Amino acid sequence: MFQEDRDELRRHAKENILKVQQENRRNYKKNRKEAPYYQEGDLVAIKRTQVGPGLKLAPKYLGPYQVTRALRNDRYLVEKVGEHEGPRQTSTAAEYMKSWVQDCEEALTGDEETVDI
């Protein structure tokens, strides 16, 4: 009788724990979105993850980098394109990457009218 009561309490506790775990999973996934998928050859910018003295005013993203290989769990191998600050080759997660906008460079160096003051 005593053992049966203990087994019943354990079963009831296990059901409650599973119910709370499912609710926690549902609440966690509710605010998440799928990571973007990058293909080999895509140009991306990677987030600067190492911070230190003198980097407060440094750009938040390094780039452009080219995706050389897709790994599992939304990870990628990327390689530097051109001469700029940052590692030559590195691996990074999709959450630290964003697509490189090629028109951005042209917009900065494009034919802009200068206004004399």
N, C-alpha and C. Protein backbone atom coordinates (compact mmCIF):
# COMPACT_ATOMS: atom_id res chain seq x y z
N MET A 1 0.81 -1.19 0.00
CA MET A 1 0.00 0.00 0.00
C MET A 1 0.86 1.26 0.00
N PHE A 2 1.86 1.27 0.88
CA PHE A 2 2.75 2.43 0.93
C PHE A 2 3.50 2.58 -0.40
N GLN A 3 3.96 1.46 -0.95
CA GLN A 3 4.69 1.50 -2.23
C GLN A 3 3.78 1.96 -3.37
N GLU A 4 2.54 1.56 -3.36
CA GLU A 4 1.59 1.97 -4.40
C GLU A 4 1.34 3.47 -4.35
N ASP A 5 1.24 4.03 -3.15
CA ASP A 5 1.06 5.48 -3.01
C ASP A 5 2.28 6.24 -3.56
N ARG A 6 3.45 5.73 -3.25
CA ARG A 6 4.68 6.37 -3.75
C ARG A 6 4.74 6.30 -5.27
N ASP A 7 4.38 5.15 -5.83
CA ASP A 7 4.38 5.01 -7.29
C ASP A 7 3.38 5.96 -7.94
N GLU A 8 2.23 6.11 -7.30
CA GLU A 8 1.20 7.03 -7.82
C GLU A 8 1.70 8.48 -7.76
N LEU A 9 2.33 8.86 -6.67
CA LEU A 9 2.88 10.22 -6.55
C LEU A 9 3.97 10.47 -7.60
N ARG A 10 4.83 9.49 -7.81
CA ARG A 10 5.90 9.62 -8.81
C ARG A 10 5.31 9.77 -10.21
N ARG A 11 4.31 8.98 -10.52
CA ARG A 11 3.67 9.06 -11.84
C ARG A 11 3.02 10.42 -12.04
N HIS A 12 2.35 10.90 -11.01
CA HIS A 12 1.70 12.21 -11.08
C HIS A 12 2.75 13.33 -11.24
N ALA A 13 3.85 13.24 -10.50
CA ALA A 13 4.92 14.24 -10.60
C ALA A 13 5.55 14.22 -11.99
N LYS A 14 5.75 13.02 -12.53
CA LYS A 14 6.34 12.91 -13.86
C LYS A 14 5.44 13.53 -14.92
N GLU A 15 4.14 13.32 -14.82
CA GLU A 15 3.20 13.93 -15.77
C GLU A 15 3.25 15.45 -15.68
N ASN A 16 3.29 15.98 -14.46
CA ASN A 16 3.36 17.43 -14.28
C ASN A 16 4.66 18.01 -14.85
N ILE A 17 5.76 17.32 -14.63
CA ILE A 17 7.05 17.78 -15.15
C ILE A 17 7.02 17.80 -16.67
N LEU A 18 6.51 16.75 -17.30
CA LEU A 18 6.43 16.70 -18.76
C LEU A 18 5.53 17.80 -19.31
N LYS A 19 4.43 18.09 -18.61
CA LYS A 19 3.52 19.14 -19.05
C LYS A 19 4.21 20.51 -19.00
N VAL A 20 4.95 20.78 -17.92
CA VAL A 20 5.66 22.05 -17.79
C VAL A 20 6.76 22.16 -18.84
N GLN A 21 7.47 21.06 -19.11
CA GLN A 21 8.52 21.08 -20.12
C GLN A 21 7.95 21.39 -21.50
N GLN A 22 6.83 20.81 -21.84
CA GLN A 22 6.21 21.09 -23.14
C GLN A 22 5.78 22.55 -23.23
N GLU A 23 5.25 23.09 -22.16
CA GLU A 23 4.85 24.50 -22.15
C GLU A 23 6.07 25.41 -22.29
N ASN A 24 7.16 25.06 -21.62
CA ASN A 24 8.39 25.86 -21.74
C ASN A 24 8.93 25.81 -23.16
N ARG A 25 8.92 24.64 -23.79
CA ARG A 25 9.37 24.52 -25.18
C ARG A 25 8.53 25.38 -26.10
N ARG A 26 7.21 25.34 -25.91
CA ARG A 26 6.30 26.10 -26.75
C ARG A 26 6.55 27.61 -26.59
N ASN A 27 6.72 28.07 -25.35
CA ASN A 27 6.98 29.49 -25.12
C ASN A 27 8.34 29.92 -25.68
N TYR A 28 9.33 29.04 -25.61
CA TYR A 28 10.66 29.36 -26.13
C TYR A 28 10.63 29.49 -27.65
N LYS A 29 9.97 28.55 -28.32
CA LYS A 29 9.94 28.55 -29.78
C LYS A 29 9.03 29.62 -30.36
N LYS A 30 8.13 30.15 -29.54
CA LYS A 30 7.17 31.13 -30.02
C LYS A 30 7.87 32.40 -30.53
N ASN A 31 8.94 32.81 -29.87
CA ASN A 31 9.62 34.05 -30.23
C ASN A 31 10.86 33.83 -31.10
N ARG A 32 11.10 32.61 -31.52
CA ARG A 32 12.27 32.32 -32.34
C ARG A 32 11.89 32.30 -33.81
N LYS A 33 12.87 32.61 -34.67
CA LYS A 33 12.64 32.48 -36.10
C LYS A 33 13.74 31.62 -36.69
N GLU A 34 13.47 31.06 -37.84
CA GLU A 34 14.43 30.20 -38.51
C GLU A 34 15.67 31.00 -38.91
N ALA A 35 16.83 30.39 -38.80
CA ALA A 35 18.07 31.04 -39.22
C ALA A 35 18.09 31.08 -40.75
N PRO A 36 18.59 32.17 -41.32
CA PRO A 36 18.66 32.23 -42.79
C PRO A 36 19.65 31.20 -43.31
N TYR A 37 19.37 30.67 -44.49
CA TYR A 37 20.25 29.68 -45.10
C TYR A 37 21.11 30.36 -46.15
N TYR A 38 22.42 30.20 -46.06
CA TYR A 38 23.34 30.76 -47.03
C TYR A 38 23.92 29.62 -47.87
N GLN A 39 24.07 29.87 -49.16
CA GLN A 39 24.63 28.86 -50.05
C GLN A 39 26.10 29.17 -50.30
N GLU A 40 26.82 28.17 -50.78
CA GLU A 40 28.23 28.37 -51.09
C GLU A 40 28.36 29.45 -52.15
N GLY A 41 29.26 30.39 -51.92
CA GLY A 41 29.47 31.48 -52.86
C GLY A 41 28.77 32.76 -52.46
N ASP A 42 27.85 32.72 -51.50
CA ASP A 42 27.17 33.93 -51.05
C ASP A 42 28.15 34.85 -50.33
N LEU A 43 27.99 36.15 -50.53
CA LEU A 43 28.80 37.13 -49.82
C LEU A 43 28.06 37.54 -48.55
N VAL A 44 28.78 37.52 -47.43
CA VAL A 44 28.18 37.85 -46.14
C VAL A 44 29.12 38.76 -45.35
N ALA A 45 28.57 39.40 -44.35
CA ALA A 45 29.34 40.14 -43.36
C ALA A 45 29.22 39.37 -42.06
N ILE A 46 30.33 39.28 -41.30
CA ILE A 46 30.28 38.56 -40.03
C ILE A 46 30.45 39.55 -38.89
N LYS A 47 29.79 39.27 -37.80
CA LYS A 47 29.80 40.15 -36.64
C LYS A 47 31.13 40.04 -35.91
N ARG A 48 31.64 41.17 -35.48
CA ARG A 48 32.87 41.19 -34.68
C ARG A 48 32.52 40.65 -33.30
N THR A 49 33.11 39.53 -32.91
CA THR A 49 32.76 38.90 -31.64
C THR A 49 33.77 39.20 -30.55
N GLN A 50 34.98 39.56 -30.92
CA GLN A 50 35.99 39.87 -29.91
C GLN A 50 35.97 41.37 -29.65
N VAL A 51 35.76 41.71 -28.40
CA VAL A 51 35.76 43.11 -28.03
C VAL A 51 36.97 43.37 -27.14
N GLY A 52 37.43 44.59 -27.16
CA GLY A 52 38.58 44.94 -26.35
C GLY A 52 38.76 46.44 -26.35
N PRO A 53 39.80 46.90 -25.71
CA PRO A 53 40.03 48.34 -25.67
C PRO A 53 40.30 48.89 -27.06
N GLY A 54 39.72 50.02 -27.34
CA GLY A 54 39.92 50.67 -28.63
C GLY A 54 38.99 50.19 -29.73
N LEU A 55 38.10 49.25 -29.44
CA LEU A 55 37.20 48.73 -30.46
C LEU A 55 35.78 49.26 -30.33
N LYS A 56 35.59 50.22 -29.43
CA LYS A 56 34.24 50.74 -29.21
C LYS A 56 33.69 51.40 -30.47
N LEU A 57 34.55 52.08 -31.20
CA LEU A 57 34.11 52.79 -32.40
C LEU A 57 34.39 52.01 -33.68
N ALA A 58 34.90 50.80 -33.56
CA ALA A 58 35.18 49.97 -34.73
C ALA A 58 33.86 49.47 -35.32
N PRO A 59 33.85 49.16 -36.62
CA PRO A 59 32.62 48.64 -37.24
C PRO A 59 32.17 47.35 -36.55
N LYS A 60 30.86 47.17 -36.45
CA LYS A 60 30.32 45.99 -35.78
C LYS A 60 30.45 44.73 -36.64
N TYR A 61 30.51 44.90 -37.97
CA TYR A 61 30.60 43.76 -38.87
C TYR A 61 31.86 43.86 -39.72
N LEU A 62 32.45 42.70 -40.02
CA LEU A 62 33.62 42.59 -40.88
C LEU A 62 33.17 41.97 -42.20
N GLY A 63 33.76 42.42 -43.28
CA GLY A 63 33.35 41.79 -44.53
C GLY A 63 33.85 42.54 -45.73
N PRO A 64 33.65 42.01 -46.90
CA PRO A 64 32.83 40.84 -47.23
C PRO A 64 33.59 39.52 -47.05
N TYR A 65 32.84 38.50 -46.76
CA TYR A 65 33.33 37.13 -46.69
C TYR A 65 32.48 36.29 -47.62
N GLN A 66 33.10 35.24 -48.16
CA GLN A 66 32.39 34.33 -49.05
C GLN A 66 32.18 33.00 -48.34
N VAL A 67 30.97 32.49 -48.39
CA VAL A 67 30.66 31.20 -47.77
C VAL A 67 31.31 30.11 -48.60
N THR A 68 32.19 29.32 -47.96
CA THR A 68 32.87 28.25 -48.69
C THR A 68 32.24 26.88 -48.43
N ARG A 69 31.62 26.72 -47.26
CA ARG A 69 31.02 25.42 -46.95
C ARG A 69 29.96 25.58 -45.87
N ALA A 70 28.87 24.88 -46.01
CA ALA A 70 27.82 24.88 -44.99
C ALA A 70 28.05 23.69 -44.07
N LEU A 71 28.10 23.94 -42.78
CA LEU A 71 28.24 22.89 -41.78
C LEU A 71 26.87 22.63 -41.16
N ARG A 72 26.80 21.73 -40.22
CA ARG A 72 25.52 21.44 -39.58
C ARG A 72 25.23 22.47 -38.49
N ASN A 73 24.01 22.48 -38.03
CA ASN A 73 23.54 23.37 -36.96
C ASN A 73 23.74 24.84 -37.30
N ASP A 74 23.44 25.23 -38.53
CA ASP A 74 23.49 26.62 -38.98
C ASP A 74 24.86 27.25 -38.80
N ARG A 75 25.91 26.50 -39.08
CA ARG A 75 27.28 26.99 -39.01
C ARG A 75 27.84 26.99 -40.42
N TYR A 76 28.80 27.90 -40.67
CA TYR A 76 29.37 28.04 -42.01
C TYR A 76 30.86 28.30 -41.92
N LEU A 77 31.60 27.82 -42.93
CA LEU A 77 32.99 28.21 -43.12
C LEU A 77 33.00 29.36 -44.10
N VAL A 78 33.69 30.44 -43.75
CA VAL A 78 33.75 31.61 -44.62
C VAL A 78 35.20 32.00 -44.85
N GLU A 79 35.44 32.64 -46.00
CA GLU A 79 36.78 33.06 -46.38
C GLU A 79 36.73 34.52 -46.82
N LYS A 80 37.76 35.26 -46.44
CA LYS A 80 37.81 36.69 -46.71
C LYS A 80 37.93 36.96 -48.20
N VAL A 81 37.21 37.98 -48.67
CA VAL A 81 37.27 38.42 -50.06
C VAL A 81 37.86 39.82 -50.04
N GLY A 82 39.02 39.99 -50.66
CA GLY A 82 39.65 41.31 -50.70
C GLY A 82 40.53 41.54 -49.48
N GLU A 83 40.97 42.79 -49.35
CA GLU A 83 41.86 43.17 -48.25
C GLU A 83 41.09 44.04 -47.27
N HIS A 84 40.84 43.52 -46.10
CA HIS A 84 40.18 44.27 -45.04
C HIS A 84 40.52 43.62 -43.72
N GLU A 85 40.10 44.24 -42.64
CA GLU A 85 40.36 43.73 -41.31
C GLU A 85 39.59 42.43 -41.07
N GLY A 86 40.20 41.52 -40.32
CA GLY A 86 39.52 40.29 -39.97
C GLY A 86 40.32 39.07 -40.37
N PRO A 87 39.93 37.90 -39.85
CA PRO A 87 40.65 36.67 -40.17
C PRO A 87 40.45 36.27 -41.63
N ARG A 88 41.46 35.58 -42.18
CA ARG A 88 41.40 35.16 -43.58
C ARG A 88 40.33 34.09 -43.79
N GLN A 89 40.26 33.15 -42.85
CA GLN A 89 39.26 32.08 -42.94
C GLN A 89 38.78 31.79 -41.53
N THR A 90 37.49 31.58 -41.38
CA THR A 90 36.93 31.31 -40.05
C THR A 90 35.62 30.56 -40.20
N SER A 91 35.14 30.03 -39.09
CA SER A 91 33.81 29.43 -39.07
C SER A 91 32.93 30.31 -38.20
N THR A 92 31.68 30.42 -38.55
CA THR A 92 30.77 31.29 -37.82
C THR A 92 29.35 30.74 -37.89
N ALA A 93 28.53 31.20 -36.98
CA ALA A 93 27.13 30.79 -36.93
C ALA A 93 26.28 31.75 -37.74
N ALA A 94 25.14 31.27 -38.20
CA ALA A 94 24.25 32.10 -39.02
C ALA A 94 23.74 33.30 -38.25
N GLU A 95 23.66 33.20 -36.93
CA GLU A 95 23.16 34.33 -36.14
C GLU A 95 24.15 35.49 -36.10
N TYR A 96 25.41 35.23 -36.44
CA TYR A 96 26.42 36.29 -36.48
C TYR A 96 26.71 36.76 -37.90
N MET A 97 25.87 36.37 -38.86
CA MET A 97 26.09 36.72 -40.26
C MET A 97 24.90 37.50 -40.80
N LYS A 98 25.18 38.32 -41.81
CA LYS A 98 24.10 38.95 -42.57
C LYS A 98 24.58 39.09 -44.01
N SER A 99 23.64 39.17 -44.92
CA SER A 99 23.98 39.25 -46.34
C SER A 99 24.76 40.52 -46.62
N TRP A 100 25.75 40.41 -47.48
CA TRP A 100 26.55 41.56 -47.88
C TRP A 100 25.82 42.27 -49.01
N VAL A 101 25.58 43.56 -48.85
CA VAL A 101 24.89 44.35 -49.85
C VAL A 101 25.95 44.97 -50.75
N GLN A 102 25.99 44.55 -52.03
CA GLN A 102 27.02 45.03 -52.93
C GLN A 102 26.76 46.45 -53.38
N ASP A 103 25.49 46.87 -53.40
CA ASP A 103 25.18 48.23 -53.81
C ASP A 103 25.64 49.24 -52.77
N CYS A 104 25.95 48.78 -51.58
CA CYS A 104 26.36 49.68 -50.50
C CYS A 104 27.65 50.40 -50.88
N GLU A 105 28.63 49.67 -51.41
CA GLU A 105 29.89 50.29 -51.80
C GLU A 105 29.68 51.28 -52.94
N GLU A 106 28.84 50.91 -53.90
CA GLU A 106 28.59 51.80 -55.03
C GLU A 106 27.85 53.05 -54.58
N ALA A 107 26.97 52.91 -53.61
CA ALA A 107 26.22 54.07 -53.12
C ALA A 107 27.14 55.04 -52.41
N LEU A 108 28.14 54.51 -51.72
CA LEU A 108 29.06 55.39 -51.00
C LEU A 108 30.00 56.12 -51.94
N THR A 109 30.41 55.46 -53.02
CA THR A 109 31.36 56.07 -53.94
C THR A 109 30.69 56.55 -55.22
N GLY A 110 29.38 56.49 -55.29
CA GLY A 110 28.65 56.85 -56.50
C GLY A 110 28.69 58.35 -56.77
N ASP A 111 28.03 58.75 -57.84
CA ASP A 111 27.99 60.16 -58.22
C ASP A 111 27.00 60.89 -57.33
N GLU A 112 27.53 61.47 -56.27
CA GLU A 112 26.69 62.24 -55.38
C GLU A 112 26.97 63.71 -55.62
N GLU A 113 25.94 64.47 -55.61
CA GLU A 113 26.11 65.90 -55.82
C GLU A 113 26.67 66.53 -54.56
N THR A 114 27.66 67.38 -54.73
CA THR A 114 28.21 68.09 -53.59
C THR A 114 27.57 69.45 -53.52
N VAL A 115 27.27 69.85 -52.33
CA VAL A 115 26.61 71.13 -52.12
C VAL A 115 27.61 72.08 -51.49
N ASP A 116 27.83 73.22 -52.14
CA ASP A 116 28.72 74.23 -51.58
C ASP A 116 27.95 75.07 -50.58
N ILE A 117 28.57 75.29 -49.47
CA ILE A 117 27.91 76.10 -48.44
C ILE A 117 28.43 77.51 -48.46
